[in-house]
Amino acid sequence: MRFFGSYVGTVRGTGLSWILPLTLRQNVSIRVRNFETNHLKVNDADGNPVEIASIVVWQVADTSRALYAVDDYLTFVRVQAESALRHVATTHPYDNPADKGLSLRGSTDIVAEELAAEVAQRVAIAGVEIVEVRISHLAYASEIAQAMLRRQQANAVVAARSRIVEGAVGMVEMALDRLSERGIVDLDEERKAAMVSNLMVVLCGDQPASPVVNTGSLYS
C-alpha cells in the first residue's frame, strides 16, 4: 500500500482490512511460479558451442522490494536467470571423456546447484526467492553435433577395445599357465609367441575366426 507516493506497509492476512482513504493498493502474488528460459547458444569452457536451457522455480518473498527495487520484477527475474545460465555454462566443459572434474553433461546436479545459487544472488535485490533450478535442455550446437558424435563414438570404440584387449591378455596368460601346469605340451619361446599371436587375433577380431587344422607336425 502507498499513501501519497510513500510505502506504508503490506497486508498479508486474509479477511476484511481497513485502510486509510486515498491509499493506493497493488496486489502481488506470492505463489510459487516457474518458467523455462530460452534455448541459449553459448560456448562452454572448451570453446565448443552448446545449446542450454533451464527451468527456474521461484516466488516473491519481499513484496515491497519486488515492486520498488526494480522496474519490472517479472522481466528482471527472467533476464537475470538467463544471464546466470550463460555464465555457468561457460565455466564448465560440455563433456569430460576422462571423467575428471565437473562437466555440464556428467555433473548435472552439481551444475544445477551452482546455477540456483547464482540466480538467487542476482535476484535477491528484487525480493525474490529461488526454490529450484534444473537443466531442461543440453546439447551440442547443430553445426558441430555430427563431429562431436563421431568423437564420442571413437571414444566408446577405444574404451571397448581396451577392455577386450585386457580380457584377451588374461585369457592367453591363463591358457599358457594351464598348459604348463598340466604338462599337456611343452612349447618353446617361438611357439609360445605364435600361440599368443593366434589367440590375440581370435579373441580381439571383429569377425569370427576361421580355424585351420594342422594335421602335420607342430613345427612344420
Protein backbone atom coordinates (compact mmCIF):
# COMPACT_ATOMS: atom_id res chain seq x y z
CA MET A 1 0.00 0.00 0.00
CA ARG A 2 1.15 3.55 -0.82
CA PHE A 3 -0.09 6.76 0.71
CA PHE A 4 0.71 9.85 -1.38
CA GLY A 5 3.63 8.03 -3.02
CA SER A 6 5.14 6.63 0.19
CA TYR A 7 5.17 2.94 1.06
CA VAL A 8 3.16 2.40 4.24
CA GLY A 9 3.03 -1.38 4.57
CA THR A 10 1.91 -4.73 3.25
CA VAL A 11 -1.21 -6.65 4.23
CA ARG A 12 -0.59 -10.41 4.12
CA GLY A 13 -3.54 -11.57 6.19
CA THR A 14 -6.95 -12.66 4.92
CA GLY A 15 -10.29 -11.15 5.73
CA LEU A 16 -11.55 -7.58 5.96
CA SER A 17 -8.96 -4.83 6.42
CA TRP A 18 -9.48 -1.10 6.96
CA ILE A 19 -7.04 1.24 5.23
CA LEU A 20 -6.71 4.99 5.05
CA PRO A 21 -8.64 6.79 2.31
CA LEU A 22 -6.64 7.79 -0.78
CA THR A 23 -4.29 4.82 -0.21
CA LEU A 24 -3.23 3.09 -3.40
CA ARG A 25 -3.18 -0.70 -3.36
CA GLN A 26 -1.36 -3.11 -5.64
CA ASN A 27 -1.69 -6.86 -5.43
CA VAL A 28 1.44 -9.02 -5.64
CA SER A 29 1.18 -12.78 -5.87
CA ILE A 30 3.47 -14.75 -3.57
CA ARG A 31 2.60 -18.10 -5.11
CA VAL A 32 5.37 -20.33 -6.44
CA ARG A 33 5.93 -19.77 -10.15
CA ASN A 34 8.15 -21.33 -12.77
CA PHE A 35 9.31 -20.63 -16.29
CA GLU A 36 11.70 -22.11 -18.82
CA THR A 37 14.47 -19.95 -20.22
CA ASN A 38 15.07 -19.65 -23.92
CA HIS A 39 17.40 -22.15 -25.59
CA LEU A 40 20.65 -20.23 -25.36
CA LYS A 41 23.67 -20.87 -27.56
CA VAL A 42 26.87 -20.36 -25.57
CA ASN A 43 30.47 -21.55 -25.69
CA ASP A 44 31.47 -23.99 -22.96
CA ALA A 45 34.83 -23.93 -21.14
CA ASP A 46 36.48 -25.68 -24.12
CA GLY A 47 35.07 -23.18 -26.61
CA ASN A 48 32.53 -25.58 -28.11
CA PRO A 49 29.12 -24.06 -28.94
CA VAL A 50 26.33 -25.71 -26.96
CA GLU A 51 22.61 -25.15 -26.56
CA ILE A 52 21.33 -25.00 -23.00
CA ALA A 53 18.09 -24.10 -21.20
CA SER A 54 16.83 -24.36 -17.64
CA ILE A 55 13.62 -24.33 -15.61
CA VAL A 56 13.52 -21.80 -12.77
CA VAL A 57 11.10 -22.19 -9.86
CA TRP A 58 10.72 -19.01 -7.81
CA GLN A 59 8.42 -16.91 -5.64
CA VAL A 60 8.24 -13.39 -4.27
CA ALA A 61 9.49 -13.25 -0.69
CA ASP A 62 9.52 -9.47 -0.14
CA THR A 63 6.63 -7.78 -1.94
CA SER A 64 7.80 -4.22 -1.30
CA ARG A 65 11.24 -4.84 -2.80
CA ALA A 66 9.68 -6.65 -5.75
CA LEU A 67 7.64 -3.53 -6.58
CA TYR A 68 10.01 -0.71 -5.67
CA ALA A 69 13.57 -2.07 -6.00
CA VAL A 70 13.27 -2.92 -9.70
CA ASP A 71 11.19 -1.64 -12.57
CA ASP A 72 9.51 -4.95 -13.51
CA TYR A 73 10.36 -7.91 -11.29
CA LEU A 74 8.94 -10.47 -13.75
CA THR A 75 11.24 -9.35 -16.55
CA PHE A 76 14.10 -8.88 -14.08
CA VAL A 77 13.94 -12.49 -12.89
CA ARG A 78 13.85 -13.87 -16.43
CA VAL A 79 16.75 -11.76 -17.68
CA GLN A 80 18.92 -12.48 -14.64
CA ALA A 81 18.20 -16.22 -14.88
CA GLU A 82 19.36 -16.31 -18.50
CA SER A 83 22.42 -14.24 -17.64
CA ALA A 84 23.37 -16.62 -14.82
CA LEU A 85 22.79 -19.62 -17.10
CA ARG A 86 25.17 -18.18 -19.69
CA HIS A 87 27.85 -17.57 -17.07
CA VAL A 88 27.64 -21.05 -15.50
CA ALA A 89 27.64 -22.76 -18.91
CA THR A 90 30.90 -21.02 -19.88
CA THR A 91 32.72 -22.21 -16.74
CA HIS A 92 32.39 -25.96 -17.41
CA PRO A 93 33.07 -28.17 -20.44
CA TYR A 94 30.14 -29.95 -22.06
CA ASP A 95 31.71 -33.35 -21.55
CA ASN A 96 34.82 -34.73 -19.89
CA PRO A 97 35.93 -38.00 -21.52
CA ALA A 98 38.45 -38.69 -18.74
CA ASP A 99 35.73 -38.33 -16.06
CA LYS A 100 37.91 -35.85 -14.20
CA GLY A 101 36.34 -32.64 -12.93
CA LEU A 102 32.89 -31.24 -13.49
CA SER A 103 31.08 -31.19 -16.81
CA LEU A 104 27.69 -29.96 -17.94
CA ARG A 105 26.55 -33.41 -19.03
CA GLY A 106 28.18 -35.55 -16.36
CA SER A 107 27.57 -33.34 -13.30
CA THR A 108 24.09 -32.02 -13.96
CA ASP A 109 23.02 -31.92 -10.31
CA ILE A 110 26.12 -30.01 -9.19
CA VAL A 111 25.83 -27.58 -12.10
CA ALA A 112 22.14 -27.04 -11.23
CA GLU A 113 23.10 -26.21 -7.63
CA GLU A 114 25.68 -23.70 -8.82
CA LEU A 115 23.13 -22.18 -11.17
CA ALA A 116 20.49 -21.92 -8.44
CA ALA A 117 22.95 -20.19 -6.10
CA GLU A 118 23.98 -17.68 -8.77
CA VAL A 119 20.40 -16.90 -9.83
CA ALA A 120 19.39 -16.45 -6.17
CA GLN A 121 22.24 -14.00 -5.65
CA ARG A 122 21.29 -11.98 -8.72
CA VAL A 123 17.56 -11.68 -7.94
CA ALA A 124 17.85 -11.12 -4.17
CA ILE A 125 17.72 -7.35 -4.74
CA ALA A 126 14.17 -7.78 -6.09
CA GLY A 127 12.96 -9.67 -3.02
CA VAL A 128 12.66 -12.92 -4.99
CA GLU A 129 13.47 -16.35 -3.57
CA ILE A 130 14.68 -19.17 -5.83
CA VAL A 131 13.13 -22.53 -4.99
CA GLU A 132 14.84 -24.72 -7.58
CA VAL A 133 16.72 -24.54 -10.88
CA ARG A 134 17.11 -27.52 -13.20
CA ILE A 135 18.75 -28.00 -16.60
CA SER A 136 15.96 -28.80 -19.09
CA HIS A 137 17.91 -28.88 -22.35
CA LEU A 138 21.57 -29.55 -23.12
CA ALA A 139 23.06 -30.41 -26.50
CA TYR A 140 25.87 -29.51 -28.83
CA ALA A 141 25.02 -26.82 -31.35
CA SER A 142 23.85 -28.17 -34.70
CA GLU A 143 26.97 -27.06 -36.57
CA ILE A 144 29.26 -29.33 -34.51
CA ALA A 145 26.83 -32.03 -33.40
CA GLN A 146 27.95 -34.57 -36.04
CA ALA A 147 31.64 -34.03 -35.34
CA MET A 148 31.12 -34.42 -31.59
CA LEU A 149 29.02 -37.53 -32.16
CA ARG A 150 31.88 -39.09 -34.11
CA ARG A 151 34.28 -38.19 -31.31
CA GLN A 152 32.03 -39.81 -28.72
CA GLN A 153 31.73 -42.92 -30.89
CA ALA A 154 35.52 -43.05 -31.27
CA ASN A 155 35.96 -42.76 -27.51
CA ALA A 156 33.48 -45.58 -26.99
CA VAL A 157 35.29 -47.79 -29.51
CA VAL A 158 38.65 -47.13 -27.87
CA ALA A 159 37.24 -47.92 -24.43
CA ALA A 160 35.65 -51.15 -25.70
CA ARG A 161 38.86 -52.20 -27.45
CA SER A 162 40.89 -51.56 -24.31
CA ARG A 163 38.52 -53.77 -22.33
CA ILE A 164 38.69 -56.53 -24.97
CA VAL A 165 42.49 -56.46 -25.08
CA GLU A 166 42.69 -56.56 -21.29
CA GLY A 167 40.42 -59.62 -21.18
CA ALA A 168 42.24 -61.31 -24.07
CA VAL A 169 45.61 -60.92 -22.37
CA GLY A 170 44.21 -62.50 -19.22
CA MET A 171 42.78 -65.42 -21.19
CA VAL A 172 46.05 -66.02 -23.05
CA GLU A 173 48.00 -65.90 -19.81
CA MET A 174 45.60 -68.36 -18.20
CA ALA A 175 45.85 -70.73 -21.21
CA LEU A 176 49.66 -70.76 -21.11
CA ASP A 177 49.68 -71.32 -17.34
CA ARG A 178 47.21 -74.20 -17.57
CA LEU A 179 49.17 -75.89 -20.37
CA SER A 180 52.38 -75.55 -18.39
CA GLU A 181 50.87 -76.77 -15.09
CA ARG A 182 49.26 -79.88 -16.59
CA GLY A 183 52.19 -80.69 -18.85
CA ILE A 184 49.96 -81.12 -21.87
CA VAL A 185 52.52 -79.74 -24.30
CA ASP A 186 56.00 -78.27 -23.98
CA LEU A 187 56.34 -75.13 -26.10
CA ASP A 188 59.49 -73.17 -26.74
CA GLU A 189 59.50 -69.38 -26.77
CA GLU A 190 58.89 -69.17 -30.51
CA ARG A 191 55.83 -71.43 -30.33
CA LYS A 192 54.53 -69.57 -27.30
CA ALA A 193 54.81 -66.32 -29.25
CA ALA A 194 52.94 -67.87 -32.18
CA MET A 195 50.24 -69.18 -29.88
CA VAL A 196 49.85 -65.81 -28.19
CA SER A 197 49.59 -64.13 -31.60
CA ASN A 198 46.93 -66.57 -32.79
CA LEU A 199 44.88 -66.30 -29.61
CA MET A 200 45.01 -62.50 -29.64
CA VAL A 201 43.80 -62.43 -33.25
CA VAL A 202 40.92 -64.78 -32.43
CA LEU A 203 39.89 -63.00 -29.22
CA CYS A 204 40.25 -59.42 -30.48
CA GLY A 205 38.93 -59.82 -34.01
CA ASP A 206 35.66 -58.27 -35.14
CA GLN A 207 34.67 -61.29 -37.23
CA PRO A 208 34.52 -64.94 -36.14
CA ALA A 209 37.79 -66.75 -36.75
CA SER A 210 38.11 -69.48 -39.42
CA PRO A 211 40.42 -72.07 -37.83
CA VAL A 212 42.89 -74.09 -39.89
CA VAL A 213 43.58 -77.59 -38.58
CA ASN A 214 47.25 -78.58 -38.68
CA THR A 215 47.48 -82.31 -39.50
CA GLY A 216 51.26 -82.42 -39.64
CA SER A 217 53.96 -81.68 -37.11
CA LEU A 218 53.66 -78.69 -34.85
CA TYR A 219 57.00 -77.43 -36.18
CA SER A 220 56.29 -77.99 -39.88
